[in-house]
């Protein structure tokens, strides 16, 4: 079943970072999890839906006390950088 993008956002914490992922979809970081969403379309009700979402497992886990303010995906989609006032964390995205 397709997911209303508003519902994915509503589950988020106070942080919500969104960036495009190559030509395929979006990467969303909600303060706790990193998501890939694809198959975005506008429903007949005028709202945005996605027909595929994947939550990335981040290991080792990100520090809980870090407040991320920016996210960048590199051009080929192999890495995501999360930036805070004190540091930058780079997450490698698997090819498959």
PDB file of N, CA and C in Angstrom:
ATOM      1  N   UNK A   1       0.842  -1.182   0.000  1.00  0.00           N
ATOM      2  CA  UNK A   1       0.000   0.000   0.000  1.00  0.00           C
ATOM      3  C   UNK A   1       0.887   1.244   0.000  1.00  0.00           C
ATOM      4  N   UNK A   2       0.493   2.216  -0.759  1.00  0.00           N
ATOM      5  CA  UNK A   2       1.276   3.445  -0.850  1.00  0.00           C
ATOM      6  C   UNK A   2       1.136   4.274   0.417  1.00  0.00           C
ATOM      7  N   UNK A   3       2.192   5.026   0.719  1.00  0.00           N
ATOM      8  CA  UNK A   3       2.260   5.800   1.955  1.00  0.00           C
ATOM      9  C   UNK A   3       2.091   7.280   1.658  1.00  0.00           C
ATOM     10  N   UNK A   4       1.232   7.919   2.411  1.00  0.00           N
ATOM     11  CA  UNK A   4       1.089   9.365   2.327  1.00  0.00           C
ATOM     12  C   UNK A   4       2.345   9.986   2.918  1.00  0.00           C
ATOM     13  N   UNK A   5       3.004  10.832   2.165  1.00  0.00           N
ATOM     14  CA  UNK A   5       4.264  11.418   2.622  1.00  0.00           C
ATOM     15  C   UNK A   5       4.069  12.221   3.905  1.00  0.00           C
ATOM     16  N   UNK A   6       2.905  12.819   4.084  1.00  0.00           N
ATOM     17  CA  UNK A   6       2.605  13.555   5.320  1.00  0.00           C
ATOM     18  C   UNK A   6       2.706  12.654   6.546  1.00  0.00           C
ATOM     19  N   UNK A   7       2.291  11.386   6.429  1.00  0.00           N
ATOM     20  CA  UNK A   7       2.343  10.466   7.571  1.00  0.00           C
ATOM     21  C   UNK A   7       3.774  10.123   7.936  1.00  0.00           C
ATOM     22  N   UNK A   8       4.637  10.008   6.948  1.00  0.00           N
ATOM     23  CA  UNK A   8       6.048   9.746   7.217  1.00  0.00           C
ATOM     24  C   UNK A   8       6.664  10.934   7.939  1.00  0.00           C
ATOM     25  N   UNK A   9       6.310  12.126   7.523  1.00  0.00           N
ATOM     26  CA  UNK A   9       6.833  13.341   8.144  1.00  0.00           C
ATOM     27  C   UNK A   9       6.247  13.531   9.538  1.00  0.00           C
ATOM     28  N   UNK A  10       4.998  13.174   9.740  1.00  0.00           N
ATOM     29  CA  UNK A  10       4.344  13.376  11.033  1.00  0.00           C
ATOM     30  C   UNK A  10       4.998  12.557  12.133  1.00  0.00           C
ATOM     31  N   UNK A  11       5.638  11.453  11.781  1.00  0.00           N
ATOM     32  CA  UNK A  11       6.301  10.603  12.771  1.00  0.00           C
ATOM     33  C   UNK A  11       7.655  11.161  13.190  1.00  0.00           C
ATOM     34  N   UNK A  12       8.094  12.189  12.526  1.00  0.00           N
ATOM     35  CA  UNK A  12       9.449  12.682  12.757  1.00  0.00           C
ATOM     36  C   UNK A  12       9.553  13.483  14.038  1.00  0.00           C
ATOM     37  N   UNK A  13      10.789  13.697  14.447  1.00  0.00           N
ATOM     38  CA  UNK A  13      11.064  14.541  15.607  1.00  0.00           C
ATOM     39  C   UNK A  13      11.085  16.000  15.149  1.00  0.00           C
ATOM     40  N   UNK A  14      11.732  16.852  15.895  1.00  0.00           N
ATOM     41  CA  UNK A  14      11.801  18.267  15.525  1.00  0.00           C
ATOM     42  C   UNK A  14      12.725  18.505  14.335  1.00  0.00           C
ATOM     43  N   UNK A  15      13.549  17.535  13.982  1.00  0.00           N
ATOM     44  CA  UNK A  15      14.464  17.658  12.850  1.00  0.00           C
ATOM     45  C   UNK A  15      13.872  16.973  11.634  1.00  0.00           C
ATOM     46  N   UNK A  16      13.921  17.639  10.500  1.00  0.00           N
ATOM     47  CA  UNK A  16      13.498  17.028   9.248  1.00  0.00           C
ATOM     48  C   UNK A  16      14.386  17.577   8.143  1.00  0.00           C
ATOM     49  N   UNK A  17      15.241  16.706   7.594  1.00  0.00           N
ATOM     50  CA  UNK A  17      16.158  17.090   6.521  1.00  0.00           C
ATOM     51  C   UNK A  17      15.819  16.270   5.285  1.00  0.00           C
ATOM     52  N   UNK A  18      15.719  16.925   4.134  1.00  0.00           N
ATOM     53  CA  UNK A  18      15.336  16.262   2.888  1.00  0.00           C
ATOM     54  C   UNK A  18      16.323  16.664   1.799  1.00  0.00           C
ATOM     55  N   UNK A  19      16.765  15.670   1.002  1.00  0.00           N
ATOM     56  CA  UNK A  19      17.624  15.945  -0.149  1.00  0.00           C
ATOM     57  C   UNK A  19      17.257  14.958  -1.248  1.00  0.00           C
ATOM     58  N   UNK A  20      17.539  15.327  -2.494  1.00  0.00           N
ATOM     59  CA  UNK A  20      17.255  14.405  -3.590  1.00  0.00           C
ATOM     60  C   UNK A  20      18.301  13.301  -3.628  1.00  0.00           C
ATOM     61  N   UNK A  21      17.897  12.145  -4.150  1.00  0.00           N
ATOM     62  CA  UNK A  21      18.800  11.005  -4.297  1.00  0.00           C
ATOM     63  C   UNK A  21      18.863  10.654  -5.774  1.00  0.00           C
ATOM     64  N   UNK A  22      19.914  11.065  -6.429  1.00  0.00           N
ATOM     65  CA  UNK A  22      20.128  10.915  -7.877  1.00  0.00           C
ATOM     66  C   UNK A  22      18.815  11.243  -8.602  1.00  0.00           C
ATOM     67  N   UNK A  23      18.376  10.394  -9.512  1.00  0.00           N
ATOM     68  CA  UNK A  23      17.115  10.631 -10.236  1.00  0.00           C
ATOM     69  C   UNK A  23      15.981   9.770  -9.701  1.00  0.00           C
ATOM     70  N   UNK A  24      16.198   9.093  -8.577  1.00  0.00           N
ATOM     71  CA  UNK A  24      15.263   8.059  -8.151  1.00  0.00           C
ATOM     72  C   UNK A  24      14.273   8.466  -7.073  1.00  0.00           C
ATOM     73  N   UNK A  25      14.613   9.394  -6.213  1.00  0.00           N
ATOM     74  CA  UNK A  25      13.707   9.736  -5.130  1.00  0.00           C
ATOM     75  C   UNK A  25      14.324  10.724  -4.166  1.00  0.00           C
ATOM     76  N   UNK A  26      13.938  10.601  -2.904  1.00  0.00           N
ATOM     77  CA  UNK A  26      14.401  11.508  -1.857  1.00  0.00           C
ATOM     78  C   UNK A  26      15.034  10.734  -0.718  1.00  0.00           C
ATOM     79  N   UNK A  27      15.965  11.378  -0.039  1.00  0.00           N
ATOM     80  CA  UNK A  27      16.499  10.871   1.220  1.00  0.00           C
ATOM     81  C   UNK A  27      15.966  11.798   2.304  1.00  0.00           C
ATOM     82  N   UNK A  28      15.398  11.205   3.353  1.00  0.00           N
ATOM     83  CA  UNK A  28      14.807  11.971   4.445  1.00  0.00           C
ATOM     84  C   UNK A  28      15.454  11.529   5.746  1.00  0.00           C
ATOM     85  N   UNK A  29      15.923  12.488   6.533  1.00  0.00           N
ATOM     86  CA  UNK A  29      16.436  12.210   7.875  1.00  0.00           C
ATOM     87  C   UNK A  29      15.508  12.909   8.853  1.00  0.00           C
ATOM     88  N   UNK A  30      14.912  12.142   9.762  1.00  0.00           N
ATOM     89  CA  UNK A  30      13.923  12.701  10.683  1.00  0.00           C
ATOM     90  C   UNK A  30      14.453  12.899  12.097  1.00  0.00           C
ATOM     91  N   UNK A  31      15.764  12.889  12.242  1.00  0.00           N
ATOM     92  CA  UNK A  31      16.354  13.050  13.567  1.00  0.00           C
ATOM     93  C   UNK A  31      16.676  11.726  14.221  1.00  0.00           C
ATOM     94  N   UNK A  32      16.015  10.662  13.784  1.00  0.00           N
ATOM     95  CA  UNK A  32      16.245   9.325  14.325  1.00  0.00           C
ATOM     96  C   UNK A  32      16.644   8.319  13.255  1.00  0.00           C
ATOM     97  N   UNK A  33      16.032   8.408  12.096  1.00  0.00           N
ATOM     98  CA  UNK A  33      16.238   7.411  11.051  1.00  0.00           C
ATOM     99  C   UNK A  33      16.497   8.092   9.714  1.00  0.00           C
ATOM    100  N   UNK A  34      17.160   7.346   8.836  1.00  0.00           N
ATOM    101  CA  UNK A  34      17.442   7.805   7.482  1.00  0.00           C
ATOM    102  C   UNK A  34      16.583   6.975   6.537  1.00  0.00           C
ATOM    103  N   UNK A  35      15.755   7.638   5.735  1.00  0.00           N
ATOM    104  CA  UNK A  35      14.816   6.982   4.836  1.00  0.00           C
ATOM    105  C   UNK A  35      15.150   7.293   3.384  1.00  0.00           C
ATOM    106  N   UNK A  36      14.872   6.328   2.505  1.00  0.00           N
ATOM    107  CA  UNK A  36      14.862   6.555   1.066  1.00  0.00           C
ATOM    108  C   UNK A  36      13.426   6.362   0.613  1.00  0.00           C
ATOM    109  N   UNK A  37      12.873   7.337  -0.084  1.00  0.00           N
ATOM    110  CA  UNK A  37      11.514   7.209  -0.612  1.00  0.00           C
ATOM    111  C   UNK A  37      11.560   7.398  -2.120  1.00  0.00           C
ATOM    112  N   UNK A  38      10.779   6.582  -2.825  1.00  0.00           N
ATOM    113  CA  UNK A  38      10.754   6.628  -4.286  1.00  0.00           C
ATOM    114  C   UNK A  38       9.325   6.438  -4.769  1.00  0.00           C
ATOM    115  N   UNK A  39       9.135   6.656  -6.024  1.00  0.00           N
ATOM    116  CA  UNK A  39       7.808   6.509  -6.603  1.00  0.00           C
ATOM    117  C   UNK A  39       6.856   7.579  -6.100  1.00  0.00           C
ATOM    118  N   UNK A  40       7.335   8.806  -6.045  1.00  0.00           N
ATOM    119  CA  UNK A  40       6.502   9.908  -5.562  1.00  0.00           C
ATOM    120  C   UNK A  40       5.489  10.306  -6.630  1.00  0.00           C
ATOM    121  N   UNK A  41       4.265  10.535  -6.200  1.00  0.00           N
ATOM    122  CA  UNK A  41       3.235  10.995  -7.121  1.00  0.00           C
ATOM    123  C   UNK A  41       2.174  11.772  -6.357  1.00  0.00           C
ATOM    124  N   UNK A  42       1.429  12.558  -7.079  1.00  0.00           N
ATOM    125  CA  UNK A  42       0.351  13.348  -6.495  1.00  0.00           C
ATOM    126  C   UNK A  42      -0.945  12.566  -6.634  1.00  0.00           C
ATOM    127  N   UNK A  43      -1.620  12.358  -5.517  1.00  0.00           N
ATOM    128  CA  UNK A  43      -2.890  11.636  -5.528  1.00  0.00           C
ATOM    129  C   UNK A  43      -4.024  12.522  -6.010  1.00  0.00           C
ATOM    130  N   UNK A  44      -5.193  11.931  -6.181  1.00  0.00           N
ATOM    131  CA  UNK A  44      -6.357  12.697  -6.627  1.00  0.00           C
ATOM    132  C   UNK A  44      -6.794  13.722  -5.587  1.00  0.00           C
ATOM    133  N   UNK A  45      -6.358  13.522  -4.337  1.00  0.00           N
ATOM    134  CA  UNK A  45      -6.675  14.477  -3.277  1.00  0.00           C
ATOM    135  C   UNK A  45      -5.666  15.625  -3.206  1.00  0.00           C
ATOM    136  N   UNK A  46      -4.674  15.632  -4.114  1.00  0.00           N
ATOM    137  CA  UNK A  46      -3.681  16.703  -4.148  1.00  0.00           C
ATOM    138  C   UNK A  46      -2.527  16.511  -3.184  1.00  0.00           C
ATOM    139  N   UNK A  47      -2.485  15.383  -2.477  1.00  0.00           N
ATOM    140  CA  UNK A  47      -1.402  15.111  -1.532  1.00  0.00           C
ATOM    141  C   UNK A  47      -0.352  14.227  -2.187  1.00  0.00           C
ATOM    142  N   UNK A  48       0.855  14.240  -1.610  1.00  0.00           N
ATOM    143  CA  UNK A  48       1.973  13.485  -2.174  1.00  0.00           C
ATOM    144  C   UNK A  48       2.041  12.104  -1.525  1.00  0.00           C
ATOM    145  N   UNK A  49       2.183  11.069  -2.360  1.00  0.00           N
ATOM    146  CA  UNK A  49       2.310   9.691  -1.914  1.00  0.00           C
ATOM    147  C   UNK A  49       3.621   9.114  -2.434  1.00  0.00           C
ATOM    148  N   UNK A  50       4.101   8.067  -1.767  1.00  0.00           N
ATOM    149  CA  UNK A  50       5.251   7.322  -2.282  1.00  0.00           C
ATOM    150  C   UNK A  50       4.882   5.845  -2.263  1.00  0.00           C
ATOM    151  N   UNK A  51       5.357   5.111  -3.262  1.00  0.00           N
ATOM    152  CA  UNK A  51       5.036   3.688  -3.299  1.00  0.00           C
ATOM    153  C   UNK A  51       6.198   2.811  -2.853  1.00  0.00           C
ATOM    154  N   UNK A  52       7.291   3.441  -2.428  1.00  0.00           N
ATOM    155  CA  UNK A  52       8.411   2.655  -1.887  1.00  0.00           C
ATOM    156  C   UNK A  52       9.169   3.488  -0.872  1.00  0.00           C
ATOM    157  N   UNK A  53       9.423   2.895   0.289  1.00  0.00           N
ATOM    158  CA  UNK A  53      10.239   3.561   1.309  1.00  0.00           C
ATOM    159  C   UNK A  53      11.120   2.518   1.978  1.00  0.00           C
ATOM    160  N   UNK A  54      12.347   2.906   2.203  1.00  0.00           N
ATOM    161  CA  UNK A  54      13.338   2.009   2.804  1.00  0.00           C
ATOM    162  C   UNK A  54      14.015   2.758   3.935  1.00  0.00           C
ATOM    163  N   UNK A  55      14.093   2.130   5.095  1.00  0.00           N
ATOM    164  CA  UNK A  55      14.825   2.724   6.212  1.00  0.00           C
ATOM    165  C   UNK A  55      16.226   2.131   6.232  1.00  0.00           C
ATOM    166  N   UNK A  56      17.236   2.995   6.212  1.00  0.00           N
ATOM    167  CA  UNK A  56      18.619   2.546   6.271  1.00  0.00           C
ATOM    168  C   UNK A  56      18.999   2.229   7.711  1.00  0.00           C
ATOM    169  N   UNK A  57      19.738   1.159   7.902  1.00  0.00           N
ATOM    170  CA  UNK A  57      20.298   0.830   9.216  1.00  0.00           C
ATOM    171  C   UNK A  57      21.651   1.529   9.318  1.00  0.00           C
ATOM    172  N   UNK A  58      21.794   2.374  10.315  1.00  0.00           N
ATOM    173  CA  UNK A  58      23.040   3.117  10.500  1.00  0.00           C
ATOM    174  C   UNK A  58      23.828   2.444  11.615  1.00  0.00           C
ATOM    175  N   UNK A  59      24.998   1.908  11.258  1.00  0.00           N
ATOM    176  CA  UNK A  59      25.820   1.193  12.231  1.00  0.00           C
ATOM    177  C   UNK A  59      27.271   1.620  12.057  1.00  0.00           C
ATOM    178  N   UNK A  60      27.897   2.175  13.061  1.00  0.00           N
ATOM    179  CA  UNK A  60      27.410   2.417  14.415  1.00  0.00           C
ATOM    180  C   UNK A  60      26.374   3.542  14.427  1.00  0.00           C
ATOM    181  N   UNK A  61      25.578   3.551  15.464  1.00  0.00           N
ATOM    182  CA  UNK A  61      24.494   4.522  15.581  1.00  0.00           C
ATOM    183  C   UNK A  61      25.032   5.946  15.703  1.00  0.00           C
ATOM    184  N   UNK A  62      24.232   6.881  15.263  1.00  0.00           N
ATOM    185  CA  UNK A  62      24.597   8.296  15.400  1.00  0.00           C
ATOM    186  C   UNK A  62      24.474   8.715  16.858  1.00  0.00           C
ATOM    187  N   UNK A  63      25.265   9.673  17.302  1.00  0.00           N
ATOM    188  CA  UNK A  63      25.159  10.143  18.687  1.00  0.00           C
ATOM    189  C   UNK A  63      23.786  10.774  18.944  1.00  0.00           C
ATOM    190  N   UNK A  64      23.189  10.435  20.058  1.00  0.00           N
ATOM    191  CA  UNK A  64      21.851  10.927  20.377  1.00  0.00           C
ATOM    192  C   UNK A  64      21.828  12.408  20.724  1.00  0.00           C
ATOM    193  N   UNK A  65      22.942  12.926  21.215  1.00  0.00           N
ATOM    194  CA  UNK A  65      22.976  14.325  21.648  1.00  0.00           C
ATOM    195  C   UNK A  65      23.355  15.304  20.532  1.00  0.00           C
ATOM    196  N   UNK A  66      23.524  14.810  19.317  1.00  0.00           N
ATOM    197  CA  UNK A  66      23.937  15.659  18.197  1.00  0.00           C
ATOM    198  C   UNK A  66      22.702  16.211  17.487  1.00  0.00           C
ATOM    199  N   UNK A  67      22.666  17.507  17.235  1.00  0.00           N
ATOM    200  CA  UNK A  67      21.558  18.167  16.540  1.00  0.00           C
ATOM    201  C   UNK A  67      22.002  18.453  15.110  1.00  0.00           C
ATOM    202  N   UNK A  68      21.538  17.639  14.168  1.00  0.00           N
ATOM    203  CA  UNK A  68      21.932  17.798  12.770  1.00  0.00           C
ATOM    204  C   UNK A  68      21.119  18.909  12.118  1.00  0.00           C
ATOM    205  N   UNK A  69      21.807  19.753  11.361  1.00  0.00           N
ATOM    206  CA  UNK A  69      21.156  20.910  10.749  1.00  0.00           C
ATOM    207  C   UNK A  69      21.194  20.897   9.226  1.00  0.00           C
ATOM    208  N   UNK A  70      21.976  20.008   8.636  1.00  0.00           N
ATOM    209  CA  UNK A  70      22.066  19.946   7.177  1.00  0.00           C
ATOM    210  C   UNK A  70      22.384  18.526   6.734  1.00  0.00           C
ATOM    211  N   UNK A  71      21.926  18.192   5.533  1.00  0.00           N
ATOM    212  CA  UNK A  71      22.196  16.877   4.960  1.00  0.00           C
ATOM    213  C   UNK A  71      22.535  17.067   3.482  1.00  0.00           C
ATOM    214  N   UNK A  72      23.546  16.331   3.029  1.00  0.00           N
ATOM    215  CA  UNK A  72      23.984  16.407   1.644  1.00  0.00           C
ATOM    216  C   UNK A  72      24.181  14.996   1.109  1.00  0.00           C
ATOM    217  N   UNK A  73      23.669  14.734  -0.090  1.00  0.00           N
ATOM    218  CA  UNK A  73      23.879  13.459  -0.773  1.00  0.00           C
ATOM    219  C   UNK A  73      24.826  13.733  -1.928  1.00  0.00           C
ATOM    220  N   UNK A  74      25.885  12.904  -2.059  1.00  0.00           N
ATOM    221  CA  UNK A  74      26.816  13.156  -3.162  1.00  0.00           C
ATOM    222  C   UNK A  74      26.160  12.829  -4.507  1.00  0.00           C
ATOM    223  N   UNK A  75      26.781  13.264  -5.571  1.00  0.00           N
ATOM    224  CA  UNK A  75      26.187  13.210  -6.909  1.00  0.00           C
ATOM    225  C   UNK A  75      25.812  11.798  -7.354  1.00  0.00           C
ATOM    226  N   UNK A  76      26.629  10.806  -7.017  1.00  0.00           N
ATOM    227  CA  UNK A  76      26.340   9.438  -7.455  1.00  0.00           C
ATOM    228  C   UNK A  76      25.534   8.649  -6.425  1.00  0.00           C
ATOM    229  N   UNK A  77      25.209   9.255  -5.292  1.00  0.00           N
ATOM    230  CA  UNK A  77      24.344   8.617  -4.306  1.00  0.00           C
ATOM    231  C   UNK A  77      25.002   7.577  -3.428  1.00  0.00           C
ATOM    232  N   UNK A  78      26.317   7.571  -3.345  1.00  0.00           N
ATOM    233  CA  UNK A  78      26.995   6.547  -2.547  1.00  0.00           C
ATOM    234  C   UNK A  78      27.213   6.963  -1.097  1.00  0.00           C
ATOM    235  N   UNK A  79      27.036   8.250  -0.801  1.00  0.00           N
ATOM    236  CA  UNK A  79      27.264   8.729   0.570  1.00  0.00           C
ATOM    237  C   UNK A  79      26.284   9.844   0.924  1.00  0.00           C
ATOM    238  N   UNK A  80      25.939   9.871   2.211  1.00  0.00           N
ATOM    239  CA  UNK A  80      25.116  10.942   2.770  1.00  0.00           C
ATOM    240  C   UNK A  80      25.907  11.558   3.911  1.00  0.00           C
ATOM    241  N   UNK A  81      26.017  12.872   3.923  1.00  0.00           N
ATOM    242  CA  UNK A  81      26.707  13.574   5.008  1.00  0.00           C
ATOM    243  C   UNK A  81      25.677  14.310   5.850  1.00  0.00           C
ATOM    244  N   UNK A  82      25.725  14.077   7.160  1.00  0.00           N
ATOM    245  CA  UNK A  82      24.886  14.793   8.115  1.00  0.00           C
ATOM    246  C   UNK A  82      25.783  15.747   8.879  1.00  0.00           C
ATOM    247  N   UNK A  83      25.409  17.006   8.892  1.00  0.00           N
ATOM    248  CA  UNK A  83      26.246  18.036   9.491  1.00  0.00           C
ATOM    249  C   UNK A  83      25.569  18.640  10.711  1.00  0.00           C
ATOM    250  N   UNK A  84      26.376  18.852  11.759  1.00  0.00           N
ATOM    251  CA  UNK A  84      25.904  19.543  12.962  1.00  0.00           C
ATOM    252  C   UNK A  84      26.851  20.711  13.224  1.00  0.00           C
ATOM    253  N   UNK A  85      26.619  21.420  14.298  1.00  0.00           N
ATOM    254  CA  UNK A  85      27.483  22.553  14.634  1.00  0.00           C
ATOM    255  C   UNK A  85      28.893  22.102  14.990  1.00  0.00           C
ATOM    256  N   UNK A  86      29.043  20.850  15.446  1.00  0.00           N
ATOM    257  CA  UNK A  86      30.335  20.371  15.930  1.00  0.00           C
ATOM    258  C   UNK A  86      31.034  19.381  15.009  1.00  0.00           C
ATOM    259  N   UNK A  87      30.280  18.712  14.133  1.00  0.00           N
ATOM    260  CA  UNK A  87      30.904  17.644  13.361  1.00  0.00           C
ATOM    261  C   UNK A  87      30.102  17.300  12.115  1.00  0.00           C
ATOM    262  N   UNK A  88      30.698  16.431  11.298  1.00  0.00           N
ATOM    263  CA  UNK A  88      30.048  15.902  10.104  1.00  0.00           C
ATOM    264  C   UNK A  88      30.149  14.385  10.159  1.00  0.00           C
ATOM    265  N   UNK A  89      29.034  13.708   9.949  1.00  0.00           N
ATOM    266  CA  UNK A  89      29.010  12.253   9.904  1.00  0.00           C
ATOM    267  C   UNK A  89      28.700  11.833   8.478  1.00  0.00           C
ATOM    268  N   UNK A  90      29.515  10.944   7.927  1.00  0.00           N
ATOM    269  CA  UNK A  90      29.330  10.468   6.565  1.00  0.00           C
ATOM    270  C   UNK A  90      28.847   9.028   6.627  1.00  0.00           C
ATOM    271  N   UNK A  91      27.740   8.767   5.943  1.00  0.00           N
ATOM    272  CA  UNK A  91      27.124   7.443   5.924  1.00  0.00           C
ATOM    273  C   UNK A  91      27.259   6.894   4.514  1.00  0.00           C
ATOM    274  N   UNK A  92      27.812   5.696   4.398  1.00  0.00           N
ATOM    275  CA  UNK A  92      27.957   5.073   3.088  1.00  0.00           C
ATOM    276  C   UNK A  92      26.680   4.309   2.759  1.00  0.00           C
ATOM    277  N   UNK A  93      26.148   4.546   1.567  1.00  0.00           N
ATOM    278  CA  UNK A  93      24.913   3.912   1.122  1.00  0.00           C
ATOM    279  C   UNK A  93      25.279   2.694   0.274  1.00  0.00           C
ATOM    280  N   UNK A  94      24.736   1.520   0.590  1.00  0.00           N
ATOM    281  CA  UNK A  94      25.049   0.332  -0.207  1.00  0.00           C
ATOM    282  C   UNK A  94      24.525   0.473  -1.637  1.00  0.00           C
ATOM    283  N   UNK A  95      25.239  -0.112  -2.569  1.00  0.00           N
ATOM    284  CA  UNK A  95      24.890   0.006  -3.981  1.00  0.00           C
ATOM    285  C   UNK A  95      23.555  -0.651  -4.305  1.00  0.00           C
ATOM    286  N   UNK A  96      23.258  -1.764  -3.650  1.00  0.00           N
ATOM    287  CA  UNK A  96      22.031  -2.493  -3.972  1.00  0.00           C
ATOM    288  C   UNK A  96      20.856  -1.879  -3.280  1.00  0.00           C
TER     289      UNK A  96
END
